[in-house]
């Protein structure tokens, strides 16, 4: 039997060939790859702030960026320094007030002169005029308390009346403590004949070495008439 001819409708023609569709995962990978490259390039540009056409990649590129940045900073500093120098040049020089001062008065200048021989000085004796005040001030130096002064006052009041030039012609005793002879007081100072402080210093030393305290010396004098 003859082969049956397949029926083909006359109103349909051959369908045009279509390109094979691209799978969605493949398209997504391409998009992500392109986007990642763009983001990386943008990050480098933002971090460096400088476009470096033709710069090498990796560590040499980073070194180039650092070098470029270090070149820009000194330029800014140089500009600031130039502005500061210009501001200083515009300032006017202040005039010292000493230029308007009058000449120093000759009398005042002579008084204030500190050169050798220009000073006026004098010496004042600050020793108390009352020998009793001198004795009170010396008690502590010999270890005596203030309570010992009444005994010392009793001794010297009877011996000399606190007279620095009291002289006993019969015994050659001399001075406030009536040292016998008076020249003994030279061990306390060369001015023993006229200085009450020197005489009292010697007299307190004598009392301390012989009786221990002025009150002990006063007790001995009361019983013997001398000390």
N, C-alpha and C. Protein backbone atom coordinates (compact mmCIF):
# COMPACT_ATOMS: atom_id res chain seq x y z
N UNK A 1 0.85 -1.19 0.00
CA UNK A 1 0.00 0.00 0.00
C UNK A 1 0.89 1.23 0.00
N UNK A 2 0.42 2.22 -0.65
CA UNK A 2 1.24 3.43 -0.68
C UNK A 2 1.31 4.06 0.71
N UNK A 3 2.54 4.71 1.01
CA UNK A 3 2.75 5.34 2.34
C UNK A 3 1.82 6.52 2.46
N UNK A 4 1.26 6.55 3.64
CA UNK A 4 0.30 7.63 3.92
C UNK A 4 1.04 8.94 4.08
N UNK A 5 0.57 9.90 3.32
CA UNK A 5 1.21 11.22 3.38
C UNK A 5 0.69 11.98 4.60
N UNK A 6 1.64 12.53 5.36
CA UNK A 6 1.26 13.25 6.57
C UNK A 6 0.59 14.55 6.18
N UNK A 7 -0.41 14.88 6.89
CA UNK A 7 -1.17 16.09 6.58
C UNK A 7 -0.55 17.27 7.29
N UNK A 8 -0.30 18.29 6.46
CA UNK A 8 0.25 19.53 6.98
C UNK A 8 -0.69 20.64 6.64
N UNK A 9 -1.20 21.34 7.60
CA UNK A 9 -2.12 22.42 7.31
C UNK A 9 -1.45 23.47 6.48
N UNK A 10 -2.21 23.99 5.57
CA UNK A 10 -1.65 24.95 4.61
C UNK A 10 -1.48 26.33 5.23
N UNK A 11 -2.23 26.61 6.34
CA UNK A 11 -2.13 27.97 6.90
C UNK A 11 -0.96 28.12 7.88
N UNK A 12 -0.21 27.10 8.15
CA UNK A 12 0.96 27.17 9.05
C UNK A 12 2.23 27.00 8.23
N UNK A 13 3.12 27.83 8.44
CA UNK A 13 4.45 27.68 7.83
C UNK A 13 5.43 27.15 8.83
N UNK A 14 6.65 27.04 8.39
CA UNK A 14 7.68 26.55 9.31
C UNK A 14 8.01 27.60 10.35
N UNK A 15 8.05 27.12 11.54
CA UNK A 15 8.40 28.03 12.64
C UNK A 15 9.85 28.48 12.57
N UNK A 16 10.10 29.78 12.73
CA UNK A 16 11.51 30.24 12.71
C UNK A 16 12.27 29.72 13.92
N UNK A 17 13.50 29.49 13.65
CA UNK A 17 14.34 28.95 14.74
C UNK A 17 14.60 30.04 15.78
N UNK A 18 14.50 29.73 17.05
CA UNK A 18 14.74 30.67 18.16
C UNK A 18 16.04 30.32 18.87
N UNK A 19 16.71 31.35 19.34
CA UNK A 19 17.95 31.05 20.09
C UNK A 19 17.61 30.35 21.38
N UNK A 20 18.48 29.48 21.73
CA UNK A 20 18.25 28.71 22.97
C UNK A 20 18.26 29.64 24.16
N UNK A 21 17.27 29.57 24.99
CA UNK A 21 17.21 30.50 26.15
C UNK A 21 18.37 30.25 27.12
N UNK A 22 18.80 31.35 27.66
CA UNK A 22 19.90 31.27 28.64
C UNK A 22 19.31 31.00 30.01
N UNK A 23 19.89 30.10 30.68
CA UNK A 23 19.35 29.75 32.00
C UNK A 23 19.53 30.90 32.98
N UNK A 24 18.61 31.03 33.90
CA UNK A 24 18.64 32.13 34.88
C UNK A 24 19.86 32.08 35.80
N UNK A 25 20.31 30.96 36.28
CA UNK A 25 21.51 30.97 37.14
C UNK A 25 22.72 31.51 36.43
N UNK A 26 22.89 31.17 35.12
CA UNK A 26 24.06 31.67 34.39
C UNK A 26 24.02 33.17 34.26
N UNK A 27 22.82 33.72 33.96
CA UNK A 27 22.69 35.17 33.83
C UNK A 27 22.97 35.88 35.16
N UNK A 28 22.53 35.32 36.23
CA UNK A 28 22.74 35.92 37.55
C UNK A 28 24.22 35.97 37.92
N UNK A 29 24.95 34.90 37.55
CA UNK A 29 26.38 34.88 37.86
C UNK A 29 27.12 35.98 37.11
N UNK A 30 26.73 36.19 35.83
CA UNK A 30 27.39 37.24 35.05
C UNK A 30 27.13 38.63 35.65
N UNK A 31 25.89 38.83 36.09
CA UNK A 31 25.54 40.14 36.66
C UNK A 31 26.31 40.42 37.94
N UNK A 32 26.42 39.38 38.77
CA UNK A 32 27.16 39.56 40.02
C UNK A 32 28.63 39.81 39.78
N UNK A 33 29.21 39.14 38.78
CA UNK A 33 30.63 39.31 38.49
C UNK A 33 30.91 40.73 38.04
N UNK A 34 30.07 41.23 37.13
CA UNK A 34 30.28 42.59 36.63
C UNK A 34 30.09 43.61 37.76
N UNK A 35 29.04 43.39 38.59
CA UNK A 35 28.80 44.31 39.71
C UNK A 35 29.92 44.31 40.72
N UNK A 36 30.51 43.13 41.00
CA UNK A 36 31.62 43.05 41.95
C UNK A 36 32.83 43.82 41.47
N UNK A 37 33.12 43.74 40.18
CA UNK A 37 34.26 44.49 39.63
C UNK A 37 34.03 45.97 39.75
N UNK A 38 32.79 46.42 39.50
CA UNK A 38 32.49 47.85 39.59
C UNK A 38 32.62 48.36 41.02
N UNK A 39 32.14 47.57 41.98
CA UNK A 39 32.23 47.98 43.38
C UNK A 39 33.67 48.06 43.84
N UNK A 40 34.49 47.09 43.45
CA UNK A 40 35.91 47.10 43.84
C UNK A 40 36.61 48.32 43.27
N UNK A 41 36.33 48.65 42.01
CA UNK A 41 36.97 49.82 41.40
C UNK A 41 36.53 51.09 42.09
N UNK A 42 35.25 51.17 42.44
CA UNK A 42 34.75 52.37 43.15
C UNK A 42 35.40 52.51 44.53
N UNK A 43 35.57 51.39 45.26
CA UNK A 43 36.20 51.43 46.58
C UNK A 43 37.62 51.93 46.51
N UNK A 44 38.38 51.51 45.52
CA UNK A 44 39.76 51.98 45.38
C UNK A 44 39.79 53.47 45.11
N UNK A 45 38.87 53.93 44.27
CA UNK A 45 38.85 55.36 43.94
C UNK A 45 38.48 56.20 45.14
N UNK A 46 37.51 55.73 45.95
CA UNK A 46 37.08 56.49 47.12
C UNK A 46 38.17 56.54 48.18
N UNK A 47 38.82 55.40 48.44
CA UNK A 47 39.86 55.35 49.48
C UNK A 47 41.06 56.21 49.12
N UNK A 48 41.48 56.20 47.89
CA UNK A 48 42.68 56.94 47.50
C UNK A 48 42.39 58.39 47.21
N UNK A 49 41.23 58.67 46.62
CA UNK A 49 40.89 60.04 46.28
C UNK A 49 41.65 60.53 45.07
N UNK A 50 42.41 59.67 44.40
CA UNK A 50 43.25 60.08 43.27
C UNK A 50 43.09 59.04 42.17
N UNK A 51 42.92 59.49 40.96
CA UNK A 51 42.85 58.58 39.81
C UNK A 51 44.26 58.35 39.32
N UNK A 52 44.63 57.14 39.21
CA UNK A 52 45.98 56.77 38.78
C UNK A 52 45.88 55.95 37.49
N UNK A 53 45.77 56.62 36.37
CA UNK A 53 45.69 55.84 35.14
C UNK A 53 46.97 55.06 34.92
N UNK A 54 46.76 53.84 34.57
CA UNK A 54 47.90 52.99 34.22
C UNK A 54 48.74 52.58 35.38
N UNK A 55 48.23 52.78 36.63
CA UNK A 55 49.02 52.38 37.80
C UNK A 55 49.01 50.89 37.93
N UNK A 56 50.09 50.30 38.38
CA UNK A 56 50.14 48.84 38.54
C UNK A 56 49.23 48.41 39.67
N UNK A 57 48.88 47.15 39.62
CA UNK A 57 47.99 46.58 40.63
C UNK A 57 48.81 46.02 41.77
N UNK A 58 48.11 45.78 42.95
CA UNK A 58 48.78 45.14 44.08
C UNK A 58 49.53 46.14 44.92
N UNK A 59 50.60 45.72 45.54
CA UNK A 59 51.38 46.55 46.46
C UNK A 59 52.04 47.74 45.77
N UNK A 60 52.59 47.62 44.56
CA UNK A 60 53.15 48.81 43.89
C UNK A 60 52.13 49.90 43.71
N UNK A 61 50.87 49.50 43.39
CA UNK A 61 49.83 50.51 43.22
C UNK A 61 49.57 51.24 44.52
N UNK A 62 49.49 50.52 45.63
CA UNK A 62 49.27 51.16 46.93
C UNK A 62 50.40 52.10 47.27
N UNK A 63 51.63 51.71 46.96
CA UNK A 63 52.78 52.58 47.22
C UNK A 63 52.69 53.84 46.41
N UNK A 64 52.20 53.74 45.17
CA UNK A 64 52.06 54.93 44.33
C UNK A 64 51.05 55.89 44.90
N UNK A 65 49.92 55.33 45.43
CA UNK A 65 48.89 56.18 46.04
C UNK A 65 49.43 56.90 47.25
N UNK A 66 50.19 56.22 48.10
CA UNK A 66 50.76 56.85 49.29
C UNK A 66 51.70 57.96 48.90
N UNK A 67 52.53 57.72 47.88
CA UNK A 67 53.49 58.74 47.44
C UNK A 67 52.77 59.96 46.93
N UNK A 68 51.70 59.75 46.16
CA UNK A 68 50.94 60.88 45.63
C UNK A 68 50.31 61.69 46.74
N UNK A 69 49.78 61.01 47.74
CA UNK A 69 49.15 61.72 48.86
C UNK A 69 50.16 62.53 49.66
N UNK A 70 51.34 61.95 49.91
CA UNK A 70 52.37 62.66 50.68
C UNK A 70 52.88 63.87 49.95
N UNK A 71 52.78 63.91 48.63
CA UNK A 71 53.24 65.07 47.88
C UNK A 71 52.26 66.22 48.04
N UNK A 72 50.96 65.92 48.17
CA UNK A 72 49.95 66.96 48.24
C UNK A 72 49.98 67.67 49.59
N UNK A 73 50.19 66.96 50.70
CA UNK A 73 50.12 67.54 52.05
C UNK A 73 51.14 68.64 52.28
N UNK A 74 52.44 68.46 51.96
CA UNK A 74 53.38 69.56 52.16
C UNK A 74 52.98 70.81 51.41
N UNK A 75 52.31 70.67 50.29
CA UNK A 75 51.90 71.84 49.54
C UNK A 75 50.92 72.66 50.34
N UNK A 76 49.97 71.99 51.03
CA UNK A 76 49.00 72.70 51.86
C UNK A 76 49.69 73.38 53.03
N UNK A 77 50.64 72.67 53.64
CA UNK A 77 51.37 73.25 54.76
C UNK A 77 52.16 74.47 54.33
N UNK A 78 52.76 74.41 53.14
CA UNK A 78 53.53 75.54 52.63
C UNK A 78 52.64 76.75 52.41
N UNK A 79 51.41 76.52 51.96
CA UNK A 79 50.48 77.63 51.77
C UNK A 79 50.11 78.29 53.08
N UNK A 80 49.88 77.50 54.13
CA UNK A 80 49.55 78.05 55.44
C UNK A 80 50.70 78.86 56.00
N UNK A 81 51.93 78.35 55.83
CA UNK A 81 53.10 79.07 56.33
C UNK A 81 53.27 80.40 55.61
N UNK A 82 53.00 80.39 54.30
CA UNK A 82 53.11 81.63 53.55
C UNK A 82 52.09 82.66 54.04
N UNK A 83 50.87 82.19 54.35
CA UNK A 83 49.85 83.10 54.85
C UNK A 83 50.24 83.68 56.21
N UNK A 84 50.84 82.84 57.07
CA UNK A 84 51.28 83.33 58.39
C UNK A 84 52.39 84.36 58.25
N UNK A 85 53.34 84.10 57.36
CA UNK A 85 54.43 85.06 57.14
C UNK A 85 53.90 86.39 56.64
N UNK A 86 52.90 86.34 55.75
CA UNK A 86 52.33 87.57 55.22
C UNK A 86 51.64 88.36 56.32
N UNK A 87 50.92 87.66 57.23
CA UNK A 87 50.24 88.34 58.33
C UNK A 87 51.23 89.00 59.28
N UNK A 88 52.38 88.33 59.51
CA UNK A 88 53.38 88.92 60.40
C UNK A 88 54.03 90.15 59.77
N UNK A 89 54.20 90.12 58.46
CA UNK A 89 54.81 91.28 57.80
C UNK A 89 53.90 92.50 57.85
N UNK A 90 52.59 92.28 57.94
CA UNK A 90 51.64 93.39 57.96
C UNK A 90 51.57 94.07 59.32
N UNK A 91 52.09 93.44 60.37
CA UNK A 91 52.03 94.03 61.70
C UNK A 91 52.99 95.20 61.82
N UNK A 92 52.58 96.20 62.57
CA UNK A 92 53.45 97.35 62.81
C UNK A 92 54.29 97.12 64.05
N UNK A 93 55.48 97.60 64.06
CA UNK A 93 56.38 97.42 65.19
C UNK A 93 55.97 98.33 66.34
N UNK A 94 55.82 97.73 67.55
CA UNK A 94 55.43 98.50 68.73
C UNK A 94 56.63 99.27 69.27
N UNK A 95 56.38 100.49 69.66
CA UNK A 95 57.44 101.34 70.20
C UNK A 95 57.45 101.22 71.71
N UNK A 96 58.64 101.04 72.32
CA UNK A 96 58.76 100.90 73.75
C UNK A 96 58.36 102.19 74.45
N UNK A 97 57.70 102.06 75.62
CA UNK A 97 57.30 103.23 76.37
C UNK A 97 58.48 103.98 76.97
N UNK A 98 59.61 103.29 77.06
CA UNK A 98 60.78 103.94 77.65
C UNK A 98 61.26 105.11 76.80
N UNK A 99 60.86 105.13 75.53
CA UNK A 99 61.30 106.22 74.67
C UNK A 99 60.67 107.54 75.08
N UNK A 100 59.49 107.49 75.73
CA UNK A 100 58.81 108.72 76.13
C UNK A 100 59.15 109.16 77.56
N UNK A 101 59.95 108.37 78.27
CA UNK A 101 60.26 108.70 79.66
C UNK A 101 61.27 109.84 79.74
N UNK A 102 61.08 110.68 80.76
CA UNK A 102 62.01 111.78 80.97
C UNK A 102 63.31 111.26 81.59
N UNK A 103 64.32 112.07 81.49
CA UNK A 103 65.62 111.69 82.06
C UNK A 103 65.52 111.59 83.57
N UNK A 104 66.30 110.68 84.15
CA UNK A 104 66.26 110.47 85.60
C UNK A 104 66.82 111.67 86.33
N UNK A 105 66.12 112.05 87.40
CA UNK A 105 66.56 113.20 88.19
C UNK A 105 67.96 112.92 88.75
N UNK A 106 68.88 113.86 88.64
CA UNK A 106 70.26 113.61 89.11
C UNK A 106 70.34 113.26 90.59
N UNK A 107 69.50 113.90 91.41
CA UNK A 107 69.53 113.61 92.84
C UNK A 107 69.05 112.19 93.10
N UNK A 108 67.96 111.81 92.44
CA UNK A 108 67.44 110.45 92.60
C UNK A 108 68.44 109.42 92.08
N UNK A 109 69.08 109.75 90.98
CA UNK A 109 70.07 108.83 90.43
C UNK A 109 71.23 108.63 91.38
N UNK A 110 71.64 109.68 92.08
CA UNK A 110 72.74 109.56 93.03
C UNK A 110 72.35 108.72 94.23
N UNK A 111 71.09 108.88 94.69
CA UNK A 111 70.61 108.12 95.84
C UNK A 111 70.51 106.63 95.51
N UNK A 112 70.06 106.33 94.28
CA UNK A 112 69.88 104.93 93.87
C UNK A 112 71.15 104.29 93.35
N UNK A 113 72.22 105.05 93.30
CA UNK A 113 73.47 104.50 92.78
C UNK A 113 73.96 103.36 93.68
N UNK A 114 74.23 102.18 93.08
CA UNK A 114 74.69 101.02 93.82
C UNK A 114 76.18 100.74 93.62
N UNK A 115 76.88 101.66 93.01
CA UNK A 115 78.31 101.47 92.84
C UNK A 115 79.01 101.57 94.19
N UNK A 116 80.20 100.95 94.33
CA UNK A 116 80.90 100.98 95.62
C UNK A 116 81.12 102.41 96.10
N UNK A 117 80.82 102.66 97.34
CA UNK A 117 81.01 103.98 97.93
C UNK A 117 79.78 104.86 97.86
N UNK A 118 78.73 104.42 97.12
CA UNK A 118 77.55 105.25 96.99
C UNK A 118 76.52 105.01 98.07
N UNK A 119 76.71 104.00 98.88
CA UNK A 119 75.72 103.67 99.90
C UNK A 119 76.02 104.41 101.20
N UNK A 120 74.95 104.66 101.94
CA UNK A 120 75.07 105.29 103.26
C UNK A 120 74.64 104.26 104.29
N UNK A 121 75.50 103.94 105.21
CA UNK A 121 75.20 102.93 106.22
C UNK A 121 75.67 103.40 107.59
N UNK A 122 75.09 102.79 108.62
CA UNK A 122 75.53 103.09 109.98
C UNK A 122 75.32 101.84 110.82
N UNK A 123 76.00 101.79 111.92
CA UNK A 123 75.94 100.64 112.83
C UNK A 123 75.19 101.05 114.09
N UNK A 124 74.24 100.19 114.48
CA UNK A 124 73.46 100.48 115.68
C UNK A 124 73.63 99.32 116.66
N UNK A 125 73.78 99.65 117.90
CA UNK A 125 73.91 98.65 118.94
C UNK A 125 72.50 98.25 119.40
N UNK A 126 72.13 96.98 119.14
CA UNK A 126 70.80 96.51 119.49
C UNK A 126 70.78 95.81 120.85
N UNK A 127 71.86 95.88 121.59
CA UNK A 127 71.89 95.27 122.92
C UNK A 127 70.93 96.01 123.85
N UNK A 128 70.08 95.30 124.58
CA UNK A 128 69.16 95.99 125.51
C UNK A 128 69.92 96.85 126.50
N UNK A 129 69.35 98.01 126.82
CA UNK A 129 70.03 98.92 127.75
C UNK A 129 69.98 98.42 129.19
N UNK A 130 68.96 97.66 129.55
CA UNK A 130 68.85 97.15 130.90
C UNK A 130 69.57 95.80 130.99
N UNK A 131 70.60 95.66 131.81
CA UNK A 131 71.31 94.39 131.94
C UNK A 131 70.41 93.24 132.38
N UNK A 132 69.32 93.57 133.09
CA UNK A 132 68.39 92.51 133.51
C UNK A 132 67.75 91.82 132.29
N UNK A 133 67.45 92.60 131.25
CA UNK A 133 66.88 92.02 130.03
C UNK A 133 67.89 91.11 129.33
N UNK A 134 69.16 91.52 129.40
CA UNK A 134 70.21 90.69 128.82
C UNK A 134 70.29 89.36 129.56
N UNK A 135 70.22 89.42 130.87
CA UNK A 135 70.31 88.19 131.69
C UNK A 135 69.12 87.27 131.41
N UNK A 136 67.91 87.84 131.30
CA UNK A 136 66.73 87.00 131.01
C UNK A 136 66.91 86.28 129.67
N UNK A 137 67.46 86.97 128.69
CA UNK A 137 67.63 86.37 127.36
C UNK A 137 68.70 85.27 127.36
N UNK A 138 69.65 85.34 128.30
CA UNK A 138 70.75 84.37 128.32
C UNK A 138 70.46 83.13 129.16
N UNK A 139 69.45 83.15 129.97
CA UNK A 139 69.20 82.02 130.87
C UNK A 139 69.05 80.70 130.10
N UNK A 140 68.31 80.73 129.03
CA UNK A 140 68.08 79.50 128.26
C UNK A 140 69.34 78.94 127.65
N UNK A 141 70.32 79.76 127.32
CA UNK A 141 71.56 79.27 126.72
C UNK A 141 72.34 78.37 127.68
N UNK A 142 72.15 78.58 128.96
CA UNK A 142 72.86 77.79 129.97
C UNK A 142 71.97 76.72 130.58
N UNK A 143 70.79 76.54 130.01
CA UNK A 143 69.90 75.50 130.50
C UNK A 143 69.07 75.90 131.69
N UNK A 144 68.98 77.21 131.99
CA UNK A 144 68.19 77.67 133.13
C UNK A 144 66.80 78.10 132.67
N UNK A 145 65.81 77.85 133.51
CA UNK A 145 64.46 78.30 133.23
C UNK A 145 64.23 79.72 133.69
N UNK A 146 63.10 80.29 133.30
CA UNK A 146 62.80 81.66 133.68
C UNK A 146 62.63 81.81 135.19
N UNK A 147 62.31 80.71 135.88
CA UNK A 147 62.12 80.79 137.33
C UNK A 147 63.42 81.04 138.08
N UNK A 148 64.56 80.90 137.38
CA UNK A 148 65.85 81.12 138.02
C UNK A 148 66.26 82.59 138.03
N UNK A 149 65.50 83.42 137.33
CA UNK A 149 65.92 84.83 137.23
C UNK A 149 65.79 85.56 138.58
N UNK A 150 64.79 85.24 139.34
CA UNK A 150 64.61 85.94 140.63
C UNK A 150 65.81 85.71 141.54
N UNK A 151 66.38 84.52 141.54
CA UNK A 151 67.57 84.23 142.36
C UNK A 151 68.78 84.98 141.83
N UNK A 152 68.91 85.00 140.47
CA UNK A 152 70.04 85.72 139.88
C UNK A 152 69.92 87.21 140.17
N UNK A 153 68.72 87.74 140.10
CA UNK A 153 68.50 89.16 140.36
C UNK A 153 68.87 89.50 141.81
N UNK A 154 68.58 88.59 142.72
CA UNK A 154 68.90 88.84 144.12
C UNK A 154 70.41 88.87 144.34
N UNK A 155 71.13 87.98 143.67
CA UNK A 155 72.59 87.93 143.82
C UNK A 155 73.23 89.21 143.29
N UNK A 156 72.90 89.55 142.01
CA UNK A 156 73.58 90.69 141.39
C UNK A 156 73.12 92.04 141.98
N UNK A 157 71.92 92.07 142.53
CA UNK A 157 71.47 93.31 143.16
C UNK A 157 72.29 93.60 144.41
N UNK A 158 72.66 92.56 145.15
CA UNK A 158 73.49 92.74 146.35
C UNK A 158 74.96 92.94 146.00
N UNK A 159 75.44 92.27 145.00
CA UNK A 159 76.86 92.33 144.66
C UNK A 159 77.24 93.66 144.01
N UNK A 160 76.44 94.10 143.01
CA UNK A 160 76.85 95.29 142.24
C UNK A 160 75.70 96.23 141.90
N UNK A 161 74.48 95.83 142.21
CA UNK A 161 73.34 96.65 141.78
C UNK A 161 73.21 96.69 140.27
N UNK A 162 73.71 95.64 139.60
CA UNK A 162 73.68 95.52 138.12
C UNK A 162 74.49 96.65 137.46
N UNK A 163 75.49 97.17 138.14
CA UNK A 163 76.34 98.21 137.57
C UNK A 163 77.53 97.58 136.86
N UNK A 164 77.66 97.85 135.60
CA UNK A 164 78.71 97.23 134.80
C UNK A 164 80.10 97.69 135.23
N UNK A 165 80.19 98.86 135.86
CA UNK A 165 81.49 99.39 136.28
C UNK A 165 81.67 99.35 137.79
N UNK A 166 80.90 98.51 138.48
CA UNK A 166 81.05 98.42 139.93
C UNK A 166 82.43 97.88 140.27
N UNK A 167 83.14 98.59 141.16
CA UNK A 167 84.52 98.22 141.49
C UNK A 167 84.68 98.23 143.02
N UNK A 168 85.18 97.12 143.54
CA UNK A 168 85.42 97.02 144.97
C UNK A 168 86.91 97.30 145.22
N UNK A 169 87.22 98.44 145.78
CA UNK A 169 88.63 98.79 145.95
C UNK A 169 89.38 97.91 146.94
N UNK A 170 88.66 97.31 147.89
CA UNK A 170 89.33 96.50 148.90
C UNK A 170 89.67 95.10 148.40
N UNK A 171 88.89 94.61 147.43
CA UNK A 171 89.14 93.23 146.95
C UNK A 171 89.44 93.15 145.45
N UNK A 172 89.35 94.26 144.78
CA UNK A 172 89.54 94.33 143.33
C UNK A 172 88.49 93.52 142.56
N UNK A 173 87.34 93.22 143.19
CA UNK A 173 86.25 92.60 142.46
C UNK A 173 85.64 93.63 141.52
N UNK A 174 85.15 93.16 140.36
CA UNK A 174 84.73 94.15 139.34
C UNK A 174 83.51 93.63 138.58
N UNK A 175 82.66 94.60 138.16
CA UNK A 175 81.57 94.32 137.25
C UNK A 175 80.31 93.81 137.93
N UNK A 176 79.32 93.46 137.11
CA UNK A 176 78.02 93.01 137.60
C UNK A 176 78.16 91.75 138.46
N UNK A 177 78.91 90.74 138.04
CA UNK A 177 79.02 89.53 138.87
C UNK A 177 80.10 89.65 139.94
N UNK A 178 80.82 90.79 139.98
CA UNK A 178 81.92 91.00 140.95
C UNK A 178 82.95 89.87 140.86
N UNK A 179 83.46 89.70 139.63
CA UNK A 179 84.51 88.70 139.40
C UNK A 179 85.77 89.14 140.15
N UNK A 180 86.49 88.17 140.70
CA UNK A 180 87.68 88.47 141.51
C UNK A 180 88.86 87.65 141.01
N UNK A 181 89.81 88.27 140.35
CA UNK A 181 89.78 89.68 139.92
C UNK A 181 88.92 89.86 138.67
N UNK A 182 88.69 91.09 138.29
CA UNK A 182 87.81 91.38 137.16
C UNK A 182 88.35 90.86 135.83
N UNK A 183 89.67 90.71 135.74
CA UNK A 183 90.28 90.26 134.48
C UNK A 183 89.88 88.82 134.11
N UNK A 184 89.32 88.08 135.09
CA UNK A 184 88.85 86.73 134.76
C UNK A 184 87.81 86.73 133.64
N UNK A 185 87.03 87.82 133.59
CA UNK A 185 85.95 87.87 132.60
C UNK A 185 86.46 88.02 131.18
N UNK A 186 87.77 88.18 131.01
CA UNK A 186 88.34 88.26 129.66
C UNK A 186 88.12 86.96 128.89
N UNK A 187 87.90 85.85 129.60
CA UNK A 187 87.64 84.58 128.92
C UNK A 187 86.30 84.60 128.17
N UNK A 188 85.40 85.55 128.53
CA UNK A 188 84.11 85.66 127.85
C UNK A 188 84.13 86.70 126.75
N UNK A 189 85.15 87.56 126.73
CA UNK A 189 85.23 88.58 125.69
C UNK A 189 86.22 89.65 126.04
N UNK A 190 86.83 90.25 125.03
CA UNK A 190 87.85 91.28 125.28
C UNK A 190 87.23 92.56 125.81
N UNK A 191 85.91 92.75 125.65
CA UNK A 191 85.26 93.97 126.12
C UNK A 191 84.64 93.80 127.50
N UNK A 192 85.21 92.92 128.30
CA UNK A 192 84.65 92.57 129.60
C UNK A 192 84.50 93.77 130.54
N UNK A 193 85.32 94.80 130.39
CA UNK A 193 85.29 95.92 131.33
C UNK A 193 84.08 96.83 131.12
N UNK A 194 83.47 96.81 129.92
CA UNK A 194 82.39 97.76 129.62
C UNK A 194 81.11 97.14 129.08
N UNK A 195 81.15 95.88 128.70
CA UNK A 195 79.98 95.26 128.07
C UNK A 195 79.22 94.41 129.09
N UNK A 196 77.97 94.77 129.41
CA UNK A 196 77.22 93.98 130.40
C UNK A 196 76.94 92.57 129.90
N UNK A 197 76.74 92.39 128.60
CA UNK A 197 76.47 91.05 128.07
C UNK A 197 77.66 90.12 128.30
N UNK A 198 78.88 90.65 128.11
CA UNK A 198 80.08 89.83 128.33
C UNK A 198 80.20 89.46 129.81
N UNK A 199 79.94 90.40 130.68
CA UNK A 199 80.04 90.12 132.12
C UNK A 199 78.99 89.11 132.58
N UNK A 200 77.75 89.26 132.10
CA UNK A 200 76.69 88.33 132.51
C UNK A 200 76.96 86.93 131.94
N UNK A 201 77.48 86.87 130.72
CA UNK A 201 77.81 85.57 130.14
C UNK A 201 78.85 84.84 131.01
N UNK A 202 79.86 85.59 131.42
CA UNK A 202 80.86 84.98 132.30
C UNK A 202 80.25 84.59 133.64
N UNK A 203 79.40 85.46 134.20
CA UNK A 203 78.81 85.19 135.52
C UNK A 203 77.90 83.97 135.50
N UNK A 204 77.11 83.76 134.44
CA UNK A 204 76.24 82.59 134.36
C UNK A 204 77.06 81.31 134.20
N UNK A 205 78.16 81.40 133.46
CA UNK A 205 79.03 80.23 133.33
C UNK A 205 79.67 79.85 134.65
N UNK A 206 80.06 80.87 135.41
CA UNK A 206 80.65 80.62 136.73
C UNK A 206 79.63 79.96 137.67
N UNK A 207 78.40 80.47 137.70
CA UNK A 207 77.35 79.90 138.57
C UNK A 207 77.04 78.46 138.18
N UNK A 208 76.94 78.20 136.88
CA UNK A 208 76.60 76.85 136.42
C UNK A 208 77.69 75.84 136.80
N UNK A 209 78.95 76.24 136.64
CA UNK A 209 80.05 75.30 136.92
C UNK A 209 80.26 75.10 138.43
N UNK A 210 79.94 76.09 139.27
CA UNK A 210 80.22 75.99 140.70
C UNK A 210 79.01 75.56 141.53
N UNK A 211 77.78 76.05 141.13
CA UNK A 211 76.60 75.78 141.96
C UNK A 211 75.47 75.04 141.21
N UNK A 212 75.56 74.99 139.94
CA UNK A 212 74.54 74.28 139.17
C UNK A 212 73.43 75.18 138.67
N UNK A 213 72.85 76.01 139.57
CA UNK A 213 71.76 76.92 139.19
C UNK A 213 71.90 78.22 139.98
N UNK A 214 71.31 79.32 139.49
CA UNK A 214 71.34 80.57 140.25
C UNK A 214 70.67 80.47 141.63
N UNK A 215 69.62 79.66 141.74
CA UNK A 215 68.96 79.53 143.05
C UNK A 215 69.85 78.81 144.05
N UNK A 216 70.65 77.84 143.58
CA UNK A 216 71.61 77.19 144.49
C UNK A 216 72.68 78.17 144.94
N UNK A 217 73.12 79.02 143.99
CA UNK A 217 74.13 80.03 144.34
C UNK A 217 73.55 81.05 145.33
N UNK A 218 72.29 81.39 145.15
CA UNK A 218 71.66 82.34 146.07
C UNK A 218 71.51 81.74 147.46
N UNK A 219 71.20 80.47 147.56
CA UNK A 219 71.12 79.80 148.86
C UNK A 219 72.47 79.78 149.55
N UNK A 220 73.54 79.55 148.80
CA UNK A 220 74.89 79.54 149.39
C UNK A 220 75.25 80.94 149.86
N UNK A 221 74.95 81.94 149.08
CA UNK A 221 75.30 83.32 149.46
C UNK A 221 74.55 83.76 150.71
N UNK A 222 73.32 83.33 150.85
CA UNK A 222 72.55 83.72 152.03
C UNK A 222 73.16 83.16 153.32
N UNK A 223 73.76 81.98 153.19
CA UNK A 223 74.35 81.36 154.40
C UNK A 223 75.80 81.75 154.62
N UNK A 224 76.50 82.22 153.60
CA UNK A 224 77.93 82.53 153.73
C UNK A 224 78.24 84.01 153.50
N UNK A 225 77.35 84.71 152.88
CA UNK A 225 77.59 86.14 152.62
C UNK A 225 78.34 86.38 151.31
N UNK A 226 78.77 85.41 150.67
CA UNK A 226 79.46 85.51 149.38
C UNK A 226 79.11 84.26 148.54
N UNK A 227 79.49 84.24 147.33
CA UNK A 227 79.22 83.08 146.50
C UNK A 227 80.42 82.78 145.60
